[in-house]
């Protein structure tokens, strides 16, 4: 059985929790909205510019029961919960999303799309990575396609993925943080010439919040 099949079939009553915090969503469609972030440990995608490499090794993070994760998320007034990583779809997220929905939460996910989609989601952001291709079936479910632009060739790469999502999917181009001074002018011109795309910025970094 492949790792992807195992993730889809084996329930995860406890998940490796790297960090959790209540903040403002800083990027993409839901920018500016209060959200509780649950960052799961474990990732085999391996982006060279990942800003949370400490999340890659799942064994370094404690396993936390679904009921405890829900208690953490609902301790604040906001009811938008972002499941991120790492790569959260390495795990079967059905039990977690079911429990969060039962508690009155909206479930949002940020994923590379490299694993089959599990769980019930109100917003799915797929941000593909070159190091492990997203699955076509996961792309088809995306509400938001967010392409991180690291160099000029990423515009053509963005269009390849835009051709695989549904017609209602929002399309975003976001500069990689360290490359923003070089890439931002190119992104602005590209969006002006291709208005189906929108600009996404990591506003939480400008605001100096998690």
N, C-alpha and C. Protein backbone atom coordinates (compact mmCIF):
# COMPACT_ATOMS: atom_id res chain seq x y z
N UNK A 1 0.85 -1.20 0.00
CA UNK A 1 0.00 0.00 0.00
C UNK A 1 0.88 1.24 0.00
N UNK A 2 0.53 2.22 -0.82
CA UNK A 2 1.31 3.45 -0.87
C UNK A 2 1.03 4.30 0.35
N UNK A 3 1.95 5.28 0.60
CA UNK A 3 1.73 6.19 1.74
C UNK A 3 0.46 6.98 1.54
N UNK A 4 0.16 7.36 0.28
CA UNK A 4 -1.05 8.13 0.01
C UNK A 4 -2.29 7.30 0.31
N UNK A 5 -2.29 6.00 -0.09
CA UNK A 5 -3.44 5.15 0.19
C UNK A 5 -3.61 4.95 1.68
N UNK A 6 -2.49 4.77 2.38
CA UNK A 6 -2.56 4.60 3.83
C UNK A 6 -3.16 5.82 4.49
N UNK A 7 -2.76 7.01 4.03
CA UNK A 7 -3.29 8.24 4.62
C UNK A 7 -4.79 8.33 4.42
N UNK A 8 -5.29 7.84 3.27
CA UNK A 8 -6.71 7.95 2.98
C UNK A 8 -7.53 6.93 3.75
N UNK A 9 -6.93 5.80 4.16
CA UNK A 9 -7.69 4.71 4.73
C UNK A 9 -7.57 4.59 6.25
N UNK A 10 -6.48 5.03 6.81
CA UNK A 10 -6.25 4.82 8.24
C UNK A 10 -6.68 6.06 9.02
N UNK A 11 -7.66 5.94 9.92
CA UNK A 11 -8.08 7.10 10.71
C UNK A 11 -6.93 7.64 11.57
N UNK A 12 -6.99 8.91 11.86
CA UNK A 12 -5.95 9.53 12.68
C UNK A 12 -6.59 10.12 13.92
N UNK A 13 -6.76 9.32 14.99
CA UNK A 13 -7.38 9.84 16.21
C UNK A 13 -6.49 10.85 16.93
N UNK A 14 -5.19 10.83 16.62
CA UNK A 14 -4.26 11.81 17.18
C UNK A 14 -3.32 12.22 16.06
N UNK A 15 -2.95 13.48 16.05
CA UNK A 15 -2.16 14.03 14.95
C UNK A 15 -0.93 14.76 15.51
N UNK A 16 0.20 14.74 14.79
CA UNK A 16 1.40 15.44 15.26
C UNK A 16 1.22 16.95 15.14
N UNK A 17 1.23 17.61 16.27
CA UNK A 17 0.97 19.05 16.31
C UNK A 17 2.28 19.81 16.48
N UNK A 18 2.64 20.58 15.47
CA UNK A 18 3.84 21.40 15.57
C UNK A 18 3.58 22.69 16.34
N UNK A 19 2.50 23.37 15.96
CA UNK A 19 2.15 24.63 16.64
C UNK A 19 0.68 24.95 16.37
N UNK A 20 0.15 25.83 17.17
CA UNK A 20 -1.23 26.27 17.01
C UNK A 20 -1.33 27.69 17.55
N UNK A 21 -2.13 28.52 16.90
CA UNK A 21 -2.23 29.92 17.33
C UNK A 21 -3.42 30.58 16.67
N UNK A 22 -3.96 31.56 17.36
CA UNK A 22 -5.08 32.37 16.86
C UNK A 22 -4.50 33.65 16.29
N UNK A 23 -4.84 33.95 15.04
CA UNK A 23 -4.19 35.07 14.37
C UNK A 23 -5.11 35.61 13.27
N UNK A 24 -4.52 36.32 12.33
CA UNK A 24 -5.22 36.82 11.15
C UNK A 24 -4.65 36.11 9.93
N UNK A 25 -5.54 35.54 9.12
CA UNK A 25 -5.04 34.91 7.89
C UNK A 25 -4.34 35.97 7.05
N UNK A 26 -3.11 35.67 6.66
CA UNK A 26 -2.29 36.70 6.03
C UNK A 26 -2.24 36.69 4.52
N UNK A 27 -2.75 35.63 3.87
CA UNK A 27 -2.56 35.54 2.42
C UNK A 27 -3.74 34.86 1.75
N UNK A 28 -3.83 35.07 0.44
CA UNK A 28 -4.87 34.42 -0.34
C UNK A 28 -6.25 35.03 -0.16
N UNK A 29 -7.27 34.26 -0.51
CA UNK A 29 -8.65 34.74 -0.55
C UNK A 29 -9.14 35.23 0.81
N UNK A 30 -8.75 34.56 1.88
CA UNK A 30 -9.27 34.89 3.21
C UNK A 30 -8.38 35.86 3.99
N UNK A 31 -7.51 36.57 3.30
CA UNK A 31 -6.65 37.56 3.94
C UNK A 31 -7.46 38.51 4.82
N UNK A 32 -6.96 38.74 6.02
CA UNK A 32 -7.59 39.70 6.91
C UNK A 32 -8.62 39.12 7.86
N UNK A 33 -8.95 37.84 7.72
CA UNK A 33 -9.97 37.22 8.57
C UNK A 33 -9.33 36.51 9.75
N UNK A 34 -9.98 36.60 10.90
CA UNK A 34 -9.49 35.89 12.08
C UNK A 34 -9.55 34.39 11.83
N UNK A 35 -8.49 33.69 12.25
CA UNK A 35 -8.44 32.25 12.02
C UNK A 35 -7.54 31.59 13.06
N UNK A 36 -7.91 30.37 13.40
CA UNK A 36 -7.08 29.57 14.30
C UNK A 36 -6.29 28.59 13.45
N UNK A 37 -4.97 28.64 13.57
CA UNK A 37 -4.10 27.79 12.77
C UNK A 37 -3.69 26.55 13.55
N UNK A 38 -3.86 25.40 12.93
CA UNK A 38 -3.35 24.14 13.44
C UNK A 38 -2.32 23.64 12.44
N UNK A 39 -1.05 23.71 12.82
CA UNK A 39 0.03 23.29 11.93
C UNK A 39 0.50 21.89 12.31
N UNK A 40 0.28 20.96 11.42
CA UNK A 40 0.65 19.57 11.66
C UNK A 40 2.09 19.31 11.22
N UNK A 41 2.76 18.45 11.96
CA UNK A 41 4.11 18.06 11.61
C UNK A 41 4.09 16.94 10.58
N UNK A 42 5.13 16.91 9.76
CA UNK A 42 5.26 15.87 8.75
C UNK A 42 5.13 16.44 7.36
N UNK A 43 6.18 16.29 6.56
CA UNK A 43 6.14 16.73 5.16
C UNK A 43 7.25 16.04 4.40
N UNK A 44 6.91 15.51 3.21
CA UNK A 44 7.93 14.92 2.36
C UNK A 44 8.03 15.63 1.01
N UNK A 45 7.48 16.85 0.95
CA UNK A 45 7.53 17.62 -0.30
C UNK A 45 8.88 18.31 -0.44
N UNK A 46 9.38 18.89 0.65
CA UNK A 46 10.75 19.38 0.70
C UNK A 46 11.08 20.60 -0.14
N UNK A 47 10.31 21.68 0.03
CA UNK A 47 10.60 22.91 -0.72
C UNK A 47 11.87 23.57 -0.17
N UNK A 48 12.75 23.97 -1.06
CA UNK A 48 14.00 24.58 -0.60
C UNK A 48 13.76 25.90 0.10
N UNK A 49 12.67 26.61 -0.26
CA UNK A 49 12.39 27.91 0.35
C UNK A 49 11.33 27.84 1.43
N UNK A 50 11.00 26.63 1.90
CA UNK A 50 10.02 26.48 2.98
C UNK A 50 10.46 27.28 4.20
N UNK A 51 9.52 28.02 4.81
CA UNK A 51 9.87 28.82 5.99
C UNK A 51 9.49 28.12 7.30
N UNK A 52 9.05 26.86 7.20
CA UNK A 52 8.77 26.06 8.40
C UNK A 52 9.38 24.66 8.24
N UNK A 53 10.66 24.61 7.91
CA UNK A 53 11.33 23.32 7.73
C UNK A 53 11.29 22.47 9.01
N UNK A 54 11.13 23.12 10.14
CA UNK A 54 11.07 22.38 11.40
C UNK A 54 9.80 21.52 11.48
N UNK A 55 8.88 21.73 10.55
CA UNK A 55 7.66 20.92 10.53
C UNK A 55 7.84 19.60 9.80
N UNK A 56 8.93 19.41 9.10
CA UNK A 56 9.06 18.26 8.20
C UNK A 56 9.05 16.92 8.92
N UNK A 57 9.71 16.82 10.05
CA UNK A 57 9.85 15.55 10.76
C UNK A 57 8.70 15.39 11.76
N UNK A 58 7.75 14.54 11.42
CA UNK A 58 6.57 14.36 12.28
C UNK A 58 6.93 13.82 13.65
N UNK A 59 8.01 13.06 13.73
CA UNK A 59 8.38 12.42 15.00
C UNK A 59 8.85 13.43 16.05
N UNK A 60 9.15 14.63 15.62
CA UNK A 60 9.63 15.65 16.55
C UNK A 60 8.47 16.39 17.24
N UNK A 61 7.24 16.05 16.88
CA UNK A 61 6.10 16.80 17.40
C UNK A 61 5.13 15.86 18.11
N UNK A 62 4.56 16.31 19.23
CA UNK A 62 3.68 15.43 20.03
C UNK A 62 2.38 15.13 19.29
N UNK A 63 1.90 13.91 19.50
CA UNK A 63 0.59 13.52 18.97
C UNK A 63 -0.49 14.06 19.91
N UNK A 64 -1.46 14.74 19.32
CA UNK A 64 -2.53 15.36 20.11
C UNK A 64 -3.86 14.81 19.62
N UNK A 65 -4.71 14.44 20.56
CA UNK A 65 -6.01 13.86 20.23
C UNK A 65 -6.88 14.88 19.50
N UNK A 66 -7.74 14.38 18.63
CA UNK A 66 -8.66 15.24 17.89
C UNK A 66 -9.50 16.08 18.85
N UNK A 67 -10.00 15.48 19.91
CA UNK A 67 -10.83 16.23 20.86
C UNK A 67 -10.06 17.39 21.47
N UNK A 68 -8.77 17.21 21.73
CA UNK A 68 -7.96 18.28 22.30
C UNK A 68 -7.69 19.38 21.26
N UNK A 69 -7.51 18.99 20.01
CA UNK A 69 -7.33 19.99 18.95
C UNK A 69 -8.58 20.85 18.81
N UNK A 70 -9.72 20.23 18.88
CA UNK A 70 -10.97 20.99 18.79
C UNK A 70 -11.12 21.93 19.98
N UNK A 71 -10.74 21.47 21.15
CA UNK A 71 -10.81 22.32 22.35
C UNK A 71 -9.90 23.53 22.21
N UNK A 72 -8.71 23.33 21.66
CA UNK A 72 -7.80 24.45 21.44
C UNK A 72 -8.41 25.47 20.47
N UNK A 73 -8.95 24.95 19.36
CA UNK A 73 -9.48 25.84 18.32
C UNK A 73 -10.69 26.63 18.80
N UNK A 74 -11.51 26.02 19.64
CA UNK A 74 -12.76 26.68 20.06
C UNK A 74 -12.60 27.47 21.35
N UNK A 75 -11.39 27.58 21.85
CA UNK A 75 -11.15 28.40 23.04
C UNK A 75 -11.20 29.89 22.72
N UNK A 76 -11.24 30.23 21.43
CA UNK A 76 -11.31 31.62 20.99
C UNK A 76 -12.63 31.87 20.28
N UNK A 77 -12.99 33.13 20.15
CA UNK A 77 -14.29 33.47 19.59
C UNK A 77 -14.39 33.14 18.09
N UNK A 78 -13.28 33.19 17.38
CA UNK A 78 -13.30 32.92 15.94
C UNK A 78 -13.60 31.45 15.67
N UNK A 79 -14.23 31.19 14.54
CA UNK A 79 -14.59 29.82 14.19
C UNK A 79 -14.07 29.41 12.81
N UNK A 80 -13.08 30.14 12.30
CA UNK A 80 -12.38 29.71 11.10
C UNK A 80 -11.11 28.98 11.53
N UNK A 81 -10.96 27.75 11.08
CA UNK A 81 -9.81 26.95 11.47
C UNK A 81 -9.02 26.55 10.22
N UNK A 82 -7.74 26.90 10.20
CA UNK A 82 -6.86 26.57 9.09
C UNK A 82 -6.00 25.37 9.47
N UNK A 83 -6.10 24.30 8.71
CA UNK A 83 -5.25 23.13 8.90
C UNK A 83 -4.12 23.23 7.87
N UNK A 84 -2.90 23.32 8.37
CA UNK A 84 -1.76 23.52 7.49
C UNK A 84 -0.61 22.63 7.97
N UNK A 85 0.56 22.84 7.42
CA UNK A 85 1.68 21.98 7.79
C UNK A 85 3.01 22.66 7.54
N UNK A 86 4.03 21.84 7.31
CA UNK A 86 3.98 20.47 6.88
C UNK A 86 3.06 20.25 5.68
N UNK A 87 2.70 18.99 5.51
CA UNK A 87 1.70 18.63 4.51
C UNK A 87 0.58 17.89 5.21
N UNK A 88 -0.53 18.60 5.50
CA UNK A 88 -1.58 18.01 6.33
C UNK A 88 -2.26 16.79 5.72
N UNK A 89 -2.29 16.69 4.40
CA UNK A 89 -2.99 15.57 3.78
C UNK A 89 -2.20 14.27 3.81
N UNK A 90 -1.06 14.27 4.49
CA UNK A 90 -0.40 13.00 4.77
C UNK A 90 -1.24 12.16 5.73
N UNK A 91 -2.23 12.80 6.37
CA UNK A 91 -3.07 12.12 7.35
C UNK A 91 -4.52 12.14 6.90
N UNK A 92 -5.27 11.18 7.38
CA UNK A 92 -6.71 11.17 7.16
C UNK A 92 -7.33 12.23 8.08
N UNK A 93 -7.83 13.30 7.48
CA UNK A 93 -8.33 14.42 8.28
C UNK A 93 -9.84 14.37 8.47
N UNK A 94 -10.45 13.26 8.10
CA UNK A 94 -11.89 13.13 8.29
C UNK A 94 -12.33 13.29 9.73
N UNK A 95 -11.73 12.57 10.69
CA UNK A 95 -12.17 12.71 12.08
C UNK A 95 -12.02 14.13 12.62
N UNK A 96 -10.93 14.80 12.26
CA UNK A 96 -10.71 16.17 12.76
C UNK A 96 -11.72 17.13 12.16
N UNK A 97 -11.92 17.08 10.86
CA UNK A 97 -12.84 18.05 10.23
C UNK A 97 -14.28 17.79 10.66
N UNK A 98 -14.64 16.53 10.85
CA UNK A 98 -15.99 16.22 11.32
C UNK A 98 -16.22 16.80 12.71
N UNK A 99 -15.23 16.66 13.57
CA UNK A 99 -15.35 17.19 14.93
C UNK A 99 -15.38 18.72 14.94
N UNK A 100 -14.58 19.33 14.09
CA UNK A 100 -14.58 20.79 14.01
C UNK A 100 -15.92 21.32 13.48
N UNK A 101 -16.44 20.68 12.46
CA UNK A 101 -17.76 21.10 11.96
C UNK A 101 -18.82 20.94 13.04
N UNK A 102 -18.76 19.86 13.79
CA UNK A 102 -19.74 19.64 14.87
C UNK A 102 -19.65 20.73 15.93
N UNK A 103 -18.46 21.33 16.07
CA UNK A 103 -18.25 22.40 17.04
C UNK A 103 -18.57 23.78 16.46
N UNK A 104 -19.06 23.82 15.24
CA UNK A 104 -19.47 25.08 14.62
C UNK A 104 -18.37 25.81 13.88
N UNK A 105 -17.29 25.10 13.53
CA UNK A 105 -16.15 25.73 12.85
C UNK A 105 -16.25 25.62 11.34
N UNK A 106 -15.63 26.57 10.67
CA UNK A 106 -15.37 26.50 9.24
C UNK A 106 -13.99 25.92 9.05
N UNK A 107 -13.87 24.93 8.18
CA UNK A 107 -12.60 24.24 7.96
C UNK A 107 -11.93 24.72 6.69
N UNK A 108 -10.73 25.25 6.84
CA UNK A 108 -9.93 25.66 5.69
C UNK A 108 -8.64 24.84 5.69
N UNK A 109 -8.15 24.48 4.52
CA UNK A 109 -6.90 23.73 4.44
C UNK A 109 -5.94 24.41 3.49
N UNK A 110 -4.65 24.34 3.83
CA UNK A 110 -3.58 24.78 2.95
C UNK A 110 -2.72 23.56 2.66
N UNK A 111 -2.66 23.15 1.39
CA UNK A 111 -1.99 21.91 1.02
C UNK A 111 -1.24 22.07 -0.29
N UNK A 112 -0.23 21.23 -0.46
CA UNK A 112 0.48 21.18 -1.74
C UNK A 112 -0.32 20.40 -2.77
N UNK A 113 -1.31 19.65 -2.31
CA UNK A 113 -2.13 18.84 -3.21
C UNK A 113 -1.49 17.51 -3.59
N UNK A 114 -0.38 17.17 -2.96
CA UNK A 114 0.37 15.98 -3.35
C UNK A 114 -0.26 14.67 -2.85
N UNK A 115 -1.26 14.77 -1.97
CA UNK A 115 -1.92 13.59 -1.43
C UNK A 115 -3.42 13.68 -1.69
N UNK A 116 -4.12 12.54 -1.66
CA UNK A 116 -5.57 12.56 -1.84
C UNK A 116 -6.25 13.40 -0.76
N UNK A 117 -7.33 14.05 -1.16
CA UNK A 117 -8.08 14.90 -0.24
C UNK A 117 -8.92 14.05 0.69
N UNK A 118 -8.76 14.29 1.99
CA UNK A 118 -9.63 13.67 2.99
C UNK A 118 -10.21 14.78 3.86
N UNK A 119 -11.35 14.50 4.47
CA UNK A 119 -11.97 15.49 5.34
C UNK A 119 -13.03 16.30 4.63
N UNK A 120 -13.76 17.09 5.43
CA UNK A 120 -14.79 17.97 4.90
C UNK A 120 -14.33 19.42 5.00
N UNK A 121 -14.32 20.13 3.87
CA UNK A 121 -13.68 21.44 3.81
C UNK A 121 -14.62 22.52 3.28
N UNK A 122 -14.53 23.69 3.91
CA UNK A 122 -15.25 24.87 3.45
C UNK A 122 -14.40 25.72 2.51
N UNK A 123 -13.08 25.58 2.62
CA UNK A 123 -12.17 26.30 1.72
C UNK A 123 -10.89 25.48 1.55
N UNK A 124 -10.55 25.23 0.30
CA UNK A 124 -9.36 24.43 -0.03
C UNK A 124 -8.40 25.28 -0.83
N UNK A 125 -7.25 25.57 -0.24
CA UNK A 125 -6.18 26.29 -0.93
C UNK A 125 -5.11 25.27 -1.32
N UNK A 126 -4.87 25.15 -2.62
CA UNK A 126 -3.80 24.29 -3.11
C UNK A 126 -2.65 25.17 -3.59
N UNK A 127 -1.49 24.95 -3.01
CA UNK A 127 -0.29 25.67 -3.41
C UNK A 127 0.73 24.64 -3.88
N UNK A 128 0.77 24.35 -5.19
CA UNK A 128 1.61 23.28 -5.71
C UNK A 128 3.09 23.56 -5.52
N UNK A 129 3.84 22.49 -5.38
CA UNK A 129 5.29 22.58 -5.26
C UNK A 129 5.94 21.74 -6.35
N UNK A 130 7.07 22.20 -6.85
CA UNK A 130 7.75 21.52 -7.96
C UNK A 130 8.39 20.21 -7.53
N UNK A 131 8.59 20.04 -6.24
CA UNK A 131 9.33 18.89 -5.75
C UNK A 131 8.47 17.64 -5.61
N UNK A 132 7.13 17.82 -5.61
CA UNK A 132 6.21 16.70 -5.59
C UNK A 132 4.89 17.19 -6.17
N UNK A 133 4.56 16.71 -7.35
CA UNK A 133 3.44 17.27 -8.11
C UNK A 133 2.10 17.06 -7.41
N UNK A 134 1.20 18.04 -7.53
CA UNK A 134 -0.14 17.85 -6.98
C UNK A 134 -0.92 16.81 -7.78
N UNK A 135 -1.84 16.14 -7.10
CA UNK A 135 -2.69 15.17 -7.78
C UNK A 135 -3.79 15.89 -8.55
N UNK A 136 -4.07 15.48 -9.77
CA UNK A 136 -5.12 16.15 -10.55
C UNK A 136 -6.46 16.19 -9.83
N UNK A 137 -6.82 15.10 -9.11
CA UNK A 137 -8.12 15.07 -8.44
C UNK A 137 -8.17 16.05 -7.27
N UNK A 138 -7.03 16.30 -6.64
CA UNK A 138 -7.00 17.30 -5.56
C UNK A 138 -7.10 18.70 -6.15
N UNK A 139 -6.42 18.95 -7.25
CA UNK A 139 -6.52 20.25 -7.91
C UNK A 139 -7.96 20.56 -8.31
N UNK A 140 -8.68 19.57 -8.75
CA UNK A 140 -10.06 19.81 -9.20
C UNK A 140 -10.97 20.27 -8.09
N UNK A 141 -10.61 19.98 -6.85
CA UNK A 141 -11.44 20.39 -5.71
C UNK A 141 -11.02 21.75 -5.13
N UNK A 142 -9.98 22.35 -5.66
CA UNK A 142 -9.45 23.59 -5.08
C UNK A 142 -10.42 24.76 -5.25
N UNK A 143 -10.61 25.50 -4.16
CA UNK A 143 -11.30 26.79 -4.25
C UNK A 143 -10.32 27.90 -4.58
N UNK A 144 -9.07 27.66 -4.26
CA UNK A 144 -8.01 28.67 -4.42
C UNK A 144 -6.73 27.98 -4.88
N UNK A 145 -6.15 28.49 -5.96
CA UNK A 145 -4.85 28.03 -6.42
C UNK A 145 -3.85 29.15 -6.16
N UNK A 146 -2.87 28.87 -5.32
CA UNK A 146 -1.89 29.89 -4.94
C UNK A 146 -0.51 29.45 -5.42
N UNK A 147 0.03 30.18 -6.36
CA UNK A 147 1.34 29.86 -6.93
C UNK A 147 2.38 30.79 -6.33
N UNK A 148 3.39 30.22 -5.71
CA UNK A 148 4.49 31.01 -5.17
C UNK A 148 5.50 31.23 -6.30
N UNK A 149 5.74 32.50 -6.60
CA UNK A 149 6.62 32.85 -7.72
C UNK A 149 8.03 33.09 -7.21
N UNK A 150 8.92 32.21 -7.63
CA UNK A 150 10.32 32.26 -7.21
C UNK A 150 11.22 32.76 -8.35
N UNK A 151 10.83 32.45 -9.59
CA UNK A 151 11.58 32.94 -10.74
C UNK A 151 10.65 33.11 -11.94
N UNK A 152 11.17 33.60 -13.03
CA UNK A 152 10.34 33.95 -14.19
C UNK A 152 9.61 32.75 -14.77
N UNK A 153 10.22 31.58 -14.69
CA UNK A 153 9.60 30.39 -15.27
C UNK A 153 8.33 29.97 -14.54
N UNK A 154 8.11 30.51 -13.36
CA UNK A 154 6.95 30.10 -12.57
C UNK A 154 5.63 30.59 -13.16
N UNK A 155 5.67 31.58 -14.03
CA UNK A 155 4.41 32.03 -14.64
C UNK A 155 3.85 30.96 -15.58
N UNK A 156 4.70 30.37 -16.39
CA UNK A 156 4.25 29.28 -17.26
C UNK A 156 3.80 28.09 -16.44
N UNK A 157 4.52 27.82 -15.36
CA UNK A 157 4.17 26.72 -14.45
C UNK A 157 2.82 26.99 -13.79
N UNK A 158 2.55 28.25 -13.47
CA UNK A 158 1.26 28.63 -12.89
C UNK A 158 0.12 28.34 -13.86
N UNK A 159 0.32 28.66 -15.12
CA UNK A 159 -0.72 28.44 -16.12
C UNK A 159 -0.99 26.95 -16.31
N UNK A 160 0.03 26.12 -16.22
CA UNK A 160 -0.16 24.67 -16.32
C UNK A 160 -1.12 24.17 -15.25
N UNK A 161 -1.00 24.71 -14.06
CA UNK A 161 -1.87 24.28 -12.97
C UNK A 161 -3.24 24.95 -13.04
N UNK A 162 -3.29 26.17 -13.51
CA UNK A 162 -4.57 26.85 -13.65
C UNK A 162 -5.48 26.11 -14.63
N UNK A 163 -4.89 25.41 -15.59
CA UNK A 163 -5.66 24.64 -16.57
C UNK A 163 -6.29 23.40 -15.96
N UNK A 164 -5.87 23.04 -14.74
CA UNK A 164 -6.35 21.80 -14.11
C UNK A 164 -7.37 22.01 -13.00
N UNK A 165 -7.62 23.28 -12.64
CA UNK A 165 -8.60 23.54 -11.59
C UNK A 165 -9.96 23.85 -12.20
N UNK A 166 -10.99 23.91 -11.35
CA UNK A 166 -12.33 24.20 -11.82
C UNK A 166 -12.50 25.65 -12.23
N UNK A 167 -13.58 25.96 -12.96
CA UNK A 167 -13.79 27.32 -13.47
C UNK A 167 -14.02 28.37 -12.40
N UNK A 168 -14.45 27.95 -11.20
CA UNK A 168 -14.73 28.90 -10.12
C UNK A 168 -13.54 29.10 -9.19
N UNK A 169 -12.45 28.40 -9.43
CA UNK A 169 -11.29 28.48 -8.55
C UNK A 169 -10.63 29.85 -8.66
N UNK A 170 -10.31 30.46 -7.53
CA UNK A 170 -9.59 31.73 -7.51
C UNK A 170 -8.11 31.48 -7.79
N UNK A 171 -7.50 32.35 -8.58
CA UNK A 171 -6.11 32.17 -8.98
C UNK A 171 -5.25 33.28 -8.39
N UNK A 172 -4.19 32.90 -7.67
CA UNK A 172 -3.32 33.87 -7.00
C UNK A 172 -1.86 33.63 -7.35
N UNK A 173 -1.16 34.73 -7.53
CA UNK A 173 0.30 34.72 -7.67
C UNK A 173 0.89 35.43 -6.47
N UNK A 174 1.79 34.76 -5.78
CA UNK A 174 2.37 35.31 -4.56
C UNK A 174 3.89 35.24 -4.64
N UNK A 175 4.58 36.36 -4.46
CA UNK A 175 6.04 36.31 -4.52
C UNK A 175 6.63 35.56 -3.34
N UNK A 176 7.63 34.73 -3.60
CA UNK A 176 8.38 34.13 -2.51
C UNK A 176 9.04 35.26 -1.73
N UNK A 177 8.96 35.20 -0.41
CA UNK A 177 9.30 36.34 0.44
C UNK A 177 10.66 36.92 0.13
N UNK A 178 11.67 36.09 0.00
CA UNK A 178 13.04 36.59 -0.22
C UNK A 178 13.24 37.14 -1.64
N UNK A 179 12.33 36.77 -2.54
CA UNK A 179 12.46 37.20 -3.93
C UNK A 179 11.47 38.32 -4.29
N UNK A 180 10.74 38.79 -3.31
CA UNK A 180 9.68 39.77 -3.59
C UNK A 180 10.17 41.02 -4.33
N UNK A 181 11.32 41.61 -3.95
CA UNK A 181 11.75 42.81 -4.68
C UNK A 181 11.96 42.57 -6.17
N UNK A 182 12.44 41.37 -6.53
CA UNK A 182 12.67 41.07 -7.94
C UNK A 182 11.40 40.62 -8.66
N UNK A 183 10.57 39.82 -7.97
CA UNK A 183 9.41 39.21 -8.61
C UNK A 183 8.16 40.07 -8.61
N UNK A 184 8.04 40.98 -7.63
CA UNK A 184 6.80 41.73 -7.52
C UNK A 184 6.49 42.57 -8.76
N UNK A 185 7.46 43.29 -9.35
CA UNK A 185 7.14 44.03 -10.58
C UNK A 185 6.69 43.12 -11.71
N UNK A 186 7.27 41.93 -11.80
CA UNK A 186 6.87 40.99 -12.84
C UNK A 186 5.46 40.47 -12.60
N UNK A 187 5.13 40.22 -11.34
CA UNK A 187 3.79 39.75 -11.00
C UNK A 187 2.75 40.82 -11.32
N UNK A 188 3.05 42.06 -10.98
CA UNK A 188 2.12 43.15 -11.25
C UNK A 188 1.82 43.24 -12.75
N UNK A 189 2.85 43.20 -13.57
CA UNK A 189 2.65 43.27 -15.01
C UNK A 189 1.90 42.05 -15.52
N UNK A 190 2.20 40.89 -14.96
CA UNK A 190 1.55 39.67 -15.43
C UNK A 190 0.05 39.71 -15.12
N UNK A 191 -0.30 40.16 -13.92
CA UNK A 191 -1.71 40.22 -13.54
C UNK A 191 -2.44 41.28 -14.38
N UNK A 192 -1.78 42.37 -14.67
CA UNK A 192 -2.40 43.39 -15.52
C UNK A 192 -2.71 42.84 -16.90
N UNK A 193 -1.84 41.97 -17.40
CA UNK A 193 -2.02 41.39 -18.72
C UNK A 193 -2.84 40.10 -18.72
N UNK A 194 -3.02 39.54 -17.53
CA UNK A 194 -3.77 38.29 -17.38
C UNK A 194 -4.69 38.42 -16.17
N UNK A 195 -5.77 39.19 -16.30
CA UNK A 195 -6.57 39.58 -15.13
C UNK A 195 -7.37 38.46 -14.47
N UNK A 196 -7.30 37.23 -15.00
CA UNK A 196 -7.92 36.12 -14.26
C UNK A 196 -7.15 35.84 -12.97
N UNK A 197 -5.88 36.29 -12.93
CA UNK A 197 -5.04 36.12 -11.75
C UNK A 197 -5.19 37.31 -10.81
N UNK A 198 -4.92 37.07 -9.53
CA UNK A 198 -4.85 38.12 -8.52
C UNK A 198 -3.51 38.03 -7.80
N UNK A 199 -3.14 39.14 -7.17
CA UNK A 199 -1.90 39.18 -6.38
C UNK A 199 -2.22 38.77 -4.95
N UNK A 200 -1.39 37.90 -4.40
CA UNK A 200 -1.45 37.56 -2.98
C UNK A 200 -0.13 37.97 -2.34
N UNK A 201 -0.24 38.56 -1.16
CA UNK A 201 0.95 38.95 -0.39
C UNK A 201 0.91 38.30 0.98
N UNK A 202 2.07 38.06 1.55
CA UNK A 202 2.14 37.53 2.91
C UNK A 202 2.03 38.71 3.89
N UNK A 203 0.80 39.20 4.03
CA UNK A 203 0.59 40.40 4.83
C UNK A 203 0.92 40.19 6.29
N UNK A 204 0.85 38.96 6.78
CA UNK A 204 1.18 38.71 8.19
C UNK A 204 2.65 39.01 8.46
N UNK A 205 3.50 38.89 7.44
CA UNK A 205 4.91 39.20 7.64
C UNK A 205 5.12 40.72 7.70
N UNK A 206 4.35 41.47 6.92
CA UNK A 206 4.42 42.91 7.02
C UNK A 206 3.89 43.40 8.37
N UNK A 207 2.85 42.70 8.88
CA UNK A 207 2.25 43.09 10.15
C UNK A 207 2.99 42.52 11.35
N UNK A 208 3.96 41.63 11.09
CA UNK A 208 4.74 40.99 12.15
C UNK A 208 3.85 40.25 13.13
N UNK A 209 2.97 39.41 12.56
CA UNK A 209 2.13 38.53 13.37
C UNK A 209 2.35 37.10 12.86
N UNK A 210 2.04 36.07 13.66
CA UNK A 210 2.25 34.68 13.22
C UNK A 210 1.49 34.36 11.94
